[in-house]
Amino acid sequence: MQTTNKNEWPLWEVFIRSKAGLDHKHAGSIHAADAQMAIENARDVYTRRMEGVSIWVVESKYIHASEPDQSEALFEPANDKIYRHPTFYDLPDELKHM
């Protein structure tokens, strides 16, 4: 592994899955030379109290996101699909906890 200056290390996004959760949630960002270092640093920084069971790291340059100012055009077509909402369906009275 080639050693680089810490100022040149890429930025990594950190996602942690908690003991009580089923999904990974964004915890923050760190700089690291490679993926293994990013996982180890993320463990040290974001799971100090043993609250995590899984860590994902992804180099920030590989994340692509929509623009907030374009959200109306992106999400508006879903408004026409009311069947995707649970209120569209009639549930029997016997069915609880839905």
C-alpha atoms as a PDB file:
ATOM      1  CA  MET A   1       0.000   0.000   0.000  1.00  0.00           C
ATOM      2  CA  GLN A   2       1.355   3.382  -0.950  1.00  0.00           C
ATOM      3  CA  THR A   3       1.445   5.877   1.906  1.00  0.00           C
ATOM      4  CA  THR A   4      -0.127   9.242   1.132  1.00  0.00           C
ATOM      5  CA  ASN A   5      -0.377  12.481   3.010  1.00  0.00           C
ATOM      6  CA  LYS A   6      -3.405  12.500   5.338  1.00  0.00           C
ATOM      7  CA  ASN A   7      -4.619  15.671   3.614  1.00  0.00           C
ATOM      8  CA  GLU A   8      -4.906  13.647   0.394  1.00  0.00           C
ATOM      9  CA  TRP A   9      -6.955  10.811   1.895  1.00  0.00           C
ATOM     10  CA  PRO A  10     -10.393  10.506   0.313  1.00  0.00           C
ATOM     11  CA  LEU A  11     -13.589  11.260   2.181  1.00  0.00           C
ATOM     12  CA  TRP A  12     -15.732   8.241   3.156  1.00  0.00           C
ATOM     13  CA  GLU A  13     -19.395   8.189   4.169  1.00  0.00           C
ATOM     14  CA  VAL A  14     -20.149   5.941   7.133  1.00  0.00           C
ATOM     15  CA  PHE A  15     -23.353   3.952   7.655  1.00  0.00           C
ATOM     16  CA  ILE A  16     -23.992   2.080  10.924  1.00  0.00           C
ATOM     17  CA  ARG A  17     -26.549  -0.609  11.659  1.00  0.00           C
ATOM     18  CA  SER A  18     -27.574  -0.494  15.301  1.00  0.00           C
ATOM     19  CA  LYS A  19     -28.307  -3.569  17.396  1.00  0.00           C
ATOM     20  CA  ALA A  20     -31.996  -2.717  17.419  1.00  0.00           C
ATOM     21  CA  GLY A  21     -32.241  -1.731  13.750  1.00  0.00           C
ATOM     22  CA  LEU A  22     -32.604  -3.537  10.468  1.00  0.00           C
ATOM     23  CA  ASP A  23     -31.196  -0.804   8.275  1.00  0.00           C
ATOM     24  CA  HIS A  24     -27.952   1.120   8.106  1.00  0.00           C
ATOM     25  CA  LYS A  25     -28.167   4.838   8.877  1.00  0.00           C
ATOM     26  CA  HIS A  26     -25.746   7.534   7.844  1.00  0.00           C
ATOM     27  CA  ALA A  27     -23.536   8.336  10.834  1.00  0.00           C
ATOM     28  CA  GLY A  28     -21.112  10.827   9.316  1.00  0.00           C
ATOM     29  CA  SER A  29     -17.962  11.145   7.264  1.00  0.00           C
ATOM     30  CA  ILE A  30     -14.287  10.382   7.788  1.00  0.00           C
ATOM     31  CA  HIS A  31     -11.026  10.598   5.859  1.00  0.00           C
ATOM     32  CA  ALA A  32      -9.070   7.378   5.356  1.00  0.00           C
ATOM     33  CA  ALA A  33      -6.424   6.011   3.001  1.00  0.00           C
ATOM     34  CA  ASP A  34      -8.447   2.911   2.034  1.00  0.00           C
ATOM     35  CA  ALA A  35     -11.638   0.988   2.820  1.00  0.00           C
ATOM     36  CA  GLN A  36     -10.154  -1.088   5.647  1.00  0.00           C
ATOM     37  CA  MET A  37      -8.843   2.013   7.390  1.00  0.00           C
ATOM     38  CA  ALA A  38     -12.217   3.699   6.848  1.00  0.00           C
ATOM     39  CA  ILE A  39     -14.023   0.812   8.579  1.00  0.00           C
ATOM     40  CA  GLU A  40     -11.585   0.813  11.490  1.00  0.00           C
ATOM     41  CA  ASN A  41     -11.752   4.594  11.892  1.00  0.00           C
ATOM     42  CA  ALA A  42     -15.559   4.510  11.629  1.00  0.00           C
ATOM     43  CA  ARG A  43     -15.670   1.869  14.363  1.00  0.00           C
ATOM     44  CA  ASP A  44     -13.489   4.038  16.614  1.00  0.00           C
ATOM     45  CA  VAL A  45     -15.386   7.254  15.939  1.00  0.00           C
ATOM     46  CA  TYR A  46     -19.022   6.166  15.569  1.00  0.00           C
ATOM     47  CA  THR A  47     -19.400   3.015  17.702  1.00  0.00           C
ATOM     48  CA  ARG A  48     -17.530   3.878  20.890  1.00  0.00           C
ATOM     49  CA  ARG A  49     -20.350   2.555  23.058  1.00  0.00           C
ATOM     50  CA  MET A  50     -20.704  -0.780  21.245  1.00  0.00           C
ATOM     51  CA  GLU A  51     -23.988   0.328  19.647  1.00  0.00           C
ATOM     52  CA  GLY A  52     -23.322  -1.030  16.166  1.00  0.00           C
ATOM     53  CA  VAL A  53     -23.416  -4.496  14.627  1.00  0.00           C
ATOM     54  CA  SER A  54     -22.409  -3.592  11.078  1.00  0.00           C
ATOM     55  CA  ILE A  55     -20.527  -0.781   9.350  1.00  0.00           C
ATOM     56  CA  TRP A  56     -20.680   0.222   5.696  1.00  0.00           C
ATOM     57  CA  VAL A  57     -18.278   2.739   4.207  1.00  0.00           C
ATOM     58  CA  VAL A  58     -18.397   4.163   0.708  1.00  0.00           C
ATOM     59  CA  GLU A  59     -16.058   6.655  -0.838  1.00  0.00           C
ATOM     60  CA  SER A  60     -17.991   9.917  -1.144  1.00  0.00           C
ATOM     61  CA  LYS A  61     -17.097  10.408  -4.786  1.00  0.00           C
ATOM     62  CA  TYR A  62     -19.194   7.345  -5.652  1.00  0.00           C
ATOM     63  CA  ILE A  63     -22.414   8.736  -4.173  1.00  0.00           C
ATOM     64  CA  HIS A  64     -24.758  10.406  -6.623  1.00  0.00           C
ATOM     65  CA  ALA A  65     -27.772  12.293  -5.336  1.00  0.00           C
ATOM     66  CA  SER A  66     -30.741  14.178  -6.698  1.00  0.00           C
ATOM     67  CA  GLU A  67     -30.863  17.941  -6.319  1.00  0.00           C
ATOM     68  CA  PRO A  68     -33.305  19.211  -3.650  1.00  0.00           C
ATOM     69  CA  ASP A  69     -34.496  22.017  -5.924  1.00  0.00           C
ATOM     70  CA  GLN A  70     -35.574  19.397  -8.494  1.00  0.00           C
ATOM     71  CA  SER A  71     -37.587  17.316  -6.005  1.00  0.00           C
ATOM     72  CA  GLU A  72     -40.979  18.367  -7.369  1.00  0.00           C
ATOM     73  CA  ALA A  73     -40.238  17.057 -10.865  1.00  0.00           C
ATOM     74  CA  LEU A  74     -38.618  13.913  -9.480  1.00  0.00           C
ATOM     75  CA  PHE A  75     -41.301  12.934  -6.963  1.00  0.00           C
ATOM     76  CA  GLU A  76     -44.462  14.425  -8.494  1.00  0.00           C
ATOM     77  CA  PRO A  77     -45.274  11.360 -10.679  1.00  0.00           C
ATOM     78  CA  ALA A  78     -45.751   9.281  -7.501  1.00  0.00           C
ATOM     79  CA  ASN A  79     -48.721  11.473  -6.506  1.00  0.00           C
ATOM     80  CA  ASP A  80     -50.749   9.847  -9.303  1.00  0.00           C
ATOM     81  CA  LYS A  81     -50.251   6.370  -7.821  1.00  0.00           C
ATOM     82  CA  ILE A  82     -52.566   6.400  -4.816  1.00  0.00           C
ATOM     83  CA  TYR A  83     -52.600   2.601  -4.747  1.00  0.00           C
ATOM     84  CA  ARG A  84     -49.082   2.780  -3.286  1.00  0.00           C
ATOM     85  CA  HIS A  85     -50.430   4.318  -0.111  1.00  0.00           C
ATOM     86  CA  PRO A  86     -51.951   2.027   2.535  1.00  0.00           C
ATOM     87  CA  THR A  87     -54.976   4.320   2.858  1.00  0.00           C
ATOM     88  CA  PHE A  88     -56.122   3.094  -0.571  1.00  0.00           C
ATOM     89  CA  TYR A  89     -57.009  -0.346   0.808  1.00  0.00           C
ATOM     90  CA  ASP A  90     -59.903  -1.305   3.068  1.00  0.00           C
ATOM     91  CA  LEU A  91     -58.698  -3.637   5.809  1.00  0.00           C
ATOM     92  CA  PRO A  92     -60.980  -6.007   7.726  1.00  0.00           C
ATOM     93  CA  ASP A  93     -61.707  -5.064  11.325  1.00  0.00           C
ATOM     94  CA  GLU A  94     -60.127  -8.311  12.536  1.00  0.00           C
ATOM     95  CA  LEU A  95     -56.752  -7.198  11.222  1.00  0.00           C
ATOM     96  CA  LYS A  96     -54.828  -5.430  13.949  1.00  0.00           C
ATOM     97  CA  HIS A  97     -51.493  -3.580  14.075  1.00  0.00           C
ATOM     98  CA  MET A  98     -51.259  -2.522  10.449  1.00  0.00           C
END
